[in-house]
C-alpha atoms as a PDB file:
ATOM      1  CA  MET A   1     -53.679  31.926 -55.739  1.00  0.00           C
ATOM      2  CA  GLY A   2     -49.794  30.412 -55.212  1.00  0.00           C
ATOM      3  CA  VAL A   3     -48.078  30.315 -52.176  1.00  0.00           C
ATOM      4  CA  GLY A   4     -45.351  32.357 -53.075  1.00  0.00           C
ATOM      5  CA  THR A   5     -47.217  35.458 -53.123  1.00  0.00           C
ATOM      6  CA  LEU A   6     -48.382  35.002 -49.398  1.00  0.00           C
ATOM      7  CA  SER A   7     -47.232  35.781 -45.836  1.00  0.00           C
ATOM      8  CA  GLY A   8     -47.797  34.189 -42.773  1.00  0.00           C
ATOM      9  CA  VAL A   9     -48.822  30.566 -44.915  1.00  0.00           C
ATOM     10  CA  GLY A  10     -48.099  27.633 -42.980  1.00  0.00           C
ATOM     11  CA  ILE A  11     -47.396  24.056 -44.820  1.00  0.00           C
ATOM     12  CA  LEU A  12     -49.446  21.357 -44.380  1.00  0.00           C
ATOM     13  CA  SER A  13     -47.508  17.761 -43.597  1.00  0.00           C
ATOM     14  CA  GLY A  14     -49.869  14.850 -42.881  1.00  0.00           C
ATOM     15  CA  THR A  15     -52.081  16.300 -39.553  1.00  0.00           C
ATOM     16  CA  LYS A  16     -49.633  18.537 -38.985  1.00  0.00           C
ATOM     17  CA  VAL A  17     -48.782  22.605 -39.862  1.00  0.00           C
ATOM     18  CA  LEU A  18     -45.311  23.885 -40.195  1.00  0.00           C
ATOM     19  CA  VAL A  19     -44.903  27.697 -40.139  1.00  0.00           C
ATOM     20  CA  GLY A  20     -41.209  28.910 -40.792  1.00  0.00           C
ATOM     21  CA  ASP A  21     -41.979  32.250 -41.196  1.00  0.00           C
ATOM     22  CA  ASN A  22     -39.559  34.477 -38.492  1.00  0.00           C
ATOM     23  CA  THR A  23     -42.575  36.656 -37.563  1.00  0.00           C
ATOM     24  CA  LEU A  24     -45.250  34.527 -37.720  1.00  0.00           C
ATOM     25  CA  LYS A  25     -43.278  31.821 -35.863  1.00  0.00           C
ATOM     26  CA  SER A  26     -42.498  34.733 -32.900  1.00  0.00           C
ATOM     27  CA  PHE A  27     -46.194  35.719 -32.945  1.00  0.00           C
ATOM     28  CA  LEU A  28     -47.509  31.926 -32.166  1.00  0.00           C
ATOM     29  CA  ARG A  29     -44.125  31.019 -29.720  1.00  0.00           C
ATOM     30  CA  GLU A  30     -45.610  34.270 -27.718  1.00  0.00           C
ATOM     31  CA  LYS A  31     -49.427  32.964 -27.993  1.00  0.00           C
ATOM     32  CA  GLY A  32     -48.600  29.601 -26.795  1.00  0.00           C
ATOM     33  CA  PHE A  33     -49.395  28.114 -30.622  1.00  0.00           C
ATOM     34  CA  GLY A  34     -47.537  24.844 -30.878  1.00  0.00           C
ATOM     35  CA  THR A  35     -44.135  23.204 -30.332  1.00  0.00           C
ATOM     36  CA  GLN A  36     -40.509  24.699 -31.905  1.00  0.00           C
ATOM     37  CA  ARG A  37     -39.476  21.454 -34.056  1.00  0.00           C
ATOM     38  CA  ASP A  38     -36.223  21.569 -36.350  1.00  0.00           C
ATOM     39  CA  GLY A  39     -36.346  25.902 -36.989  1.00  0.00           C
ATOM     40  CA  HIS A  40     -40.164  25.701 -37.879  1.00  0.00           C
ATOM     41  CA  GLN A  41     -42.934  26.013 -35.421  1.00  0.00           C
ATOM     42  CA  GLU A  42     -45.292  22.738 -35.651  1.00  0.00           C
ATOM     43  CA  LEU A  43     -49.006  23.315 -35.336  1.00  0.00           C
ATOM     44  CA  SER A  44     -51.515  21.002 -34.343  1.00  0.00           C
ATOM     45  CA  LEU A  45     -54.884  20.747 -37.449  1.00  0.00           C
ATOM     46  CA  ILE A  46     -57.181  22.010 -34.414  1.00  0.00           C
ATOM     47  CA  GLU A  47     -54.683  25.007 -33.649  1.00  0.00           C
ATOM     48  CA  SER A  48     -53.820  25.916 -37.233  1.00  0.00           C
ATOM     49  CA  LEU A  49     -57.423  25.807 -37.800  1.00  0.00           C
ATOM     50  CA  PHE A  50     -58.663  28.458 -35.186  1.00  0.00           C
ATOM     51  CA  LEU A  51     -55.744  30.783 -36.686  1.00  0.00           C
ATOM     52  CA  VAL A  52     -56.954  30.395 -40.217  1.00  0.00           C
ATOM     53  CA  GLU A  53     -61.027  31.189 -38.993  1.00  0.00           C
ATOM     54  CA  SER A  54     -59.047  33.906 -37.030  1.00  0.00           C
ATOM     55  CA  GLU A  55     -57.732  35.248 -40.211  1.00  0.00           C
ATOM     56  CA  LYS A  56     -53.992  35.144 -38.525  1.00  0.00           C
ATOM     57  CA  MET A  57     -52.572  32.483 -41.486  1.00  0.00           C
ATOM     58  CA  LYS A  58     -53.482  30.658 -43.761  1.00  0.00           C
ATOM     59  CA  VAL A  59     -52.789  26.979 -44.627  1.00  0.00           C
ATOM     60  CA  ALA A  60     -50.518  25.962 -47.979  1.00  0.00           C
ATOM     61  CA  GLU A  61     -50.927  22.119 -49.354  1.00  0.00           C
ATOM     62  CA  GLY A  62     -48.549  22.022 -52.176  1.00  0.00           C
ATOM     63  CA  LYS A  63     -49.286  25.627 -53.638  1.00  0.00           C
ATOM     64  CA  ASN A  64     -53.103  25.230 -53.211  1.00  0.00           C
ATOM     65  CA  ILE A  65     -54.109  27.203 -50.211  1.00  0.00           C
ATOM     66  CA  ARG A  66     -56.475  25.385 -48.308  1.00  0.00           C
ATOM     67  CA  SER A  67     -59.719  26.674 -46.986  1.00  0.00           C
ATOM     68  CA  PHE A  68     -61.308  26.295 -43.450  1.00  0.00           C
ATOM     69  CA  GLU A  69     -63.877  23.720 -44.339  1.00  0.00           C
ATOM     70  CA  GLU A  70     -61.176  21.924 -46.463  1.00  0.00           C
ATOM     71  CA  LEU A  71     -59.216  21.593 -43.248  1.00  0.00           C
ATOM     72  CA  ILE A  72     -62.147  20.712 -41.251  1.00  0.00           C
ATOM     73  CA  ASN A  73     -63.079  17.720 -43.963  1.00  0.00           C
ATOM     74  CA  ILE A  74     -59.075  16.512 -43.583  1.00  0.00           C
ATOM     75  CA  GLY A  75     -59.692  16.658 -39.479  1.00  0.00           C
ATOM     76  CA  ASN A  76     -62.646  14.676 -40.037  1.00  0.00           C
ATOM     77  CA  ASN A  77     -61.008  12.266 -41.596  1.00  0.00           C
ATOM     78  CA  THR A  78     -58.328  11.465 -39.641  1.00  0.00           C
ATOM     79  CA  GLU A  79     -59.730  12.372 -36.270  1.00  0.00           C
ATOM     80  CA  GLU A  80     -63.170  11.123 -34.327  1.00  0.00           C
ATOM     81  CA  ASN A  81     -65.162  13.732 -33.099  1.00  0.00           C
ATOM     82  CA  PHE A  82     -62.467  16.525 -34.874  1.00  0.00           C
ATOM     83  CA  TYR A  83     -65.205  19.031 -35.349  1.00  0.00           C
ATOM     84  CA  SER A  84     -66.458  19.166 -31.879  1.00  0.00           C
ATOM     85  CA  LYS A  85     -62.968  18.991 -30.290  1.00  0.00           C
ATOM     86  CA  TYR A  86     -62.573  22.179 -32.757  1.00  0.00           C
ATOM     87  CA  LEU A  87     -65.381  23.561 -31.497  1.00  0.00           C
ATOM     88  CA  VAL A  88     -64.470  23.436 -27.670  1.00  0.00           C
ATOM     89  CA  TYR A  89     -60.799  24.449 -28.263  1.00  0.00           C
ATOM     90  CA  SER A  90     -62.281  27.534 -30.047  1.00  0.00           C
ATOM     91  CA  ASP A  91     -64.570  28.294 -27.548  1.00  0.00           C
ATOM     92  CA  LEU A  92     -61.550  28.013 -24.850  1.00  0.00           C
ATOM     93  CA  ARG A  93     -59.323  29.765 -26.564  1.00  0.00           C
ATOM     94  CA  ALA A  94     -62.220  32.748 -27.104  1.00  0.00           C
ATOM     95  CA  ARG A  95     -62.222  32.713 -23.786  1.00  0.00           C
ATOM     96  CA  GLY A  96     -58.375  34.052 -23.397  1.00  0.00           C
ATOM     97  CA  LEU A  97     -57.538  30.237 -22.236  1.00  0.00           C
ATOM     98  CA  LEU A  98     -53.878  28.664 -23.336  1.00  0.00           C
ATOM     99  CA  VAL A  99     -55.247  25.110 -24.548  1.00  0.00           C
ATOM    100  CA  ARG A 100     -52.496  22.215 -25.059  1.00  0.00           C
ATOM    101  CA  THR A 101     -53.389  18.636 -26.168  1.00  0.00           C
ATOM    102  CA  GLY A 102     -54.296  16.097 -23.593  1.00  0.00           C
ATOM    103  CA  LEU A 103     -53.197  13.174 -24.591  1.00  0.00           C
ATOM    104  CA  LYS A 104     -50.679  12.176 -22.408  1.00  0.00           C
ATOM    105  CA  PHE A 105     -53.199  12.724 -19.534  1.00  0.00           C
ATOM    106  CA  GLY A 106     -55.909  10.706 -21.486  1.00  0.00           C
ATOM    107  CA  SER A 107     -58.001  13.575 -22.471  1.00  0.00           C
ATOM    108  CA  ASP A 108     -58.919  16.057 -25.164  1.00  0.00           C
ATOM    109  CA  PHE A 109     -56.995  19.515 -24.001  1.00  0.00           C
ATOM    110  CA  ARG A 110     -54.695  20.670 -20.886  1.00  0.00           C
ATOM    111  CA  VAL A 111     -56.003  24.259 -20.027  1.00  0.00           C
ATOM    112  CA  TYR A 112     -53.792  27.012 -18.390  1.00  0.00           C
ATOM    113  CA  ASP A 113     -55.354  29.733 -16.626  1.00  0.00           C
ATOM    114  CA  ARG A 114     -54.540  33.399 -18.790  1.00  0.00           C
ATOM    115  CA  GLY A 115     -51.590  34.928 -18.373  1.00  0.00           C
ATOM    116  CA  ASN A 116     -49.696  31.807 -18.235  1.00  0.00           C
ATOM    117  CA  THR A 117     -47.722  29.830 -20.109  1.00  0.00           C
ATOM    118  CA  VAL A 118     -46.601  26.564 -20.249  1.00  0.00           C
ATOM    119  CA  LYS A 119     -43.267  27.403 -19.029  1.00  0.00           C
ATOM    120  CA  THR A 120     -44.227  29.895 -16.403  1.00  0.00           C
ATOM    121  CA  GLY A 121     -47.747  27.934 -14.720  1.00  0.00           C
ATOM    122  CA  HIS A 122     -49.420  24.058 -14.553  1.00  0.00           C
ATOM    123  CA  SER A 123     -52.372  23.433 -16.157  1.00  0.00           C
ATOM    124  CA  LYS A 124     -55.362  23.749 -14.407  1.00  0.00           C
ATOM    125  CA  GLN A 125     -58.342  21.312 -16.167  1.00  0.00           C
ATOM    126  CA  LEU A 126     -58.085  18.491 -18.156  1.00  0.00           C
ATOM    127  CA  ILE A 127     -61.227  18.945 -21.105  1.00  0.00           C
ATOM    128  CA  THR A 128     -62.841  15.537 -22.584  1.00  0.00           C
ATOM    129  CA  VAL A 129     -64.627  16.502 -25.938  1.00  0.00           C
ATOM    130  CA  ILE A 130     -67.716  14.031 -25.729  1.00  0.00           C
ATOM    131  CA  PRO A 131     -70.705  14.284 -27.857  1.00  0.00           C
ATOM    132  CA  GLU A 132     -74.227  15.100 -26.478  1.00  0.00           C
ATOM    133  CA  GLU A 133     -75.231  11.521 -26.766  1.00  0.00           C
ATOM    134  CA  TYR A 134     -72.289   9.497 -25.192  1.00  0.00           C
ATOM    135  CA  THR A 135     -72.408   7.439 -22.259  1.00  0.00           C
ATOM    136  CA  CYS A 136     -69.655   5.644 -20.244  1.00  0.00           C
ATOM    137  CA  SER A 137     -69.711   3.300 -17.065  1.00  0.00           C
ATOM    138  CA  PHE A 138     -69.332   4.929 -13.277  1.00  0.00           C
ATOM    139  CA  PRO A 139     -65.614   3.135 -13.480  1.00  0.00           C
ATOM    140  CA  GLU A 140     -64.747   4.745 -16.325  1.00  0.00           C
ATOM    141  CA  LEU A 141     -65.451   7.677 -15.227  1.00  0.00           C
ATOM    142  CA  ALA A 142     -64.052   7.182 -11.757  1.00  0.00           C
ATOM    143  CA  ARG A 143     -60.912   5.912 -13.761  1.00  0.00           C
ATOM    144  CA  ALA A 144     -60.924   9.566 -15.191  1.00  0.00           C
ATOM    145  CA  VAL A 145     -61.353  11.459 -12.160  1.00  0.00           C
ATOM    146  CA  ARG A 146     -58.747   9.347 -10.570  1.00  0.00           C
ATOM    147  CA  LEU A 147     -56.211  10.158 -13.160  1.00  0.00           C
ATOM    148  CA  SER A 148     -57.124  13.600 -13.479  1.00  0.00           C
ATOM    149  CA  GLN A 149     -56.995  14.306  -9.195  1.00  0.00           C
ATOM    150  CA  ASN A 150     -53.403  11.986  -9.113  1.00  0.00           C
ATOM    151  CA  VAL A 151     -51.890  15.074 -11.348  1.00  0.00           C
ATOM    152  CA  ASN A 152     -53.891  17.824  -9.371  1.00  0.00           C
ATOM    153  CA  LYS A 153     -56.065  18.977 -12.339  1.00  0.00           C
ATOM    154  CA  ALA A 154     -59.942  18.924 -12.756  1.00  0.00           C
ATOM    155  CA  MET A 155     -61.519  17.209 -15.042  1.00  0.00           C
ATOM    156  CA  ILE A 156     -64.681  18.544 -17.188  1.00  0.00           C
ATOM    157  CA  TYR A 157     -66.204  17.293 -19.427  1.00  0.00           C
ATOM    158  CA  ALA A 158     -67.212  19.485 -22.694  1.00  0.00           C
ATOM    159  CA  ILE A 159     -70.546  18.348 -24.116  1.00  0.00           C
ATOM    160  CA  VAL A 160     -71.163  18.839 -27.500  1.00  0.00           C
ATOM    161  CA  ASP A 161     -74.918  19.346 -28.715  1.00  0.00           C
ATOM    162  CA  GLU A 162     -76.017  18.899 -32.527  1.00  0.00           C
ATOM    163  CA  GLU A 163     -75.851  22.512 -32.631  1.00  0.00           C
ATOM    164  CA  GLY A 164     -72.890  22.948 -32.106  1.00  0.00           C
ATOM    165  CA  ASP A 165     -73.559  24.143 -28.367  1.00  0.00           C
ATOM    166  CA  ILE A 166     -71.023  23.187 -25.203  1.00  0.00           C
ATOM    167  CA  THR A 167     -71.980  22.844 -22.057  1.00  0.00           C
ATOM    168  CA  TYR A 168     -68.761  21.998 -19.510  1.00  0.00           C
ATOM    169  CA  TYR A 169     -69.328  19.952 -16.440  1.00  0.00           C
ATOM    170  CA  GLU A 170     -66.640  19.116 -13.941  1.00  0.00           C
ATOM    171  CA  ILE A 171     -66.731  15.758 -12.384  1.00  0.00           C
ATOM    172  CA  GLY A 172     -64.584  15.587  -8.878  1.00  0.00           C
ATOM    173  CA  ARG A 173     -64.478  12.823  -6.158  1.00  0.00           C
ATOM    174  CA  VAL A 174     -66.010  13.584  -2.828  1.00  0.00           C
ATOM    175  CA  ARG A 175     -64.503  12.600  -0.067  1.00  0.00           C
ATOM    176  CA  LEU A 176     -67.042  11.582   3.332  1.00  0.00           C
END
């Protein structure tokens, strides 16, 4: 199927998806997806996957439309723990939360309460996605919690098991 016959198509460029269609760009901005750059709305691969799965958009590479599974494979080949991160992102979005990257805070995502936008509110939680078998030291855990508290956010670990089930744990520091 050729790209020219579709509306609502993003163009895969490395690990980003660029959207130029004005109607789709407007929808994406309204719903908190991506970042505006050079006349395009730039989406992460995880955001794009969510939109493909929910049938809001298609993703093309050259003249070919990429399937959900093909996009998962691209993500798995470029980012560790990609599919688990997607499962958590999708779960949080399905709960009506605005989810943005948390890389500058040392986590996978930052989460805004329902009804807030990046411009009208502040994120309340940092989410780090980890596999069920993950282990870490107490100093590593303490650093993550201290960082989250320094930026006034809750530190939440999203543990994804082999079946794809997600359990969320909020980790904090208690002062006595």
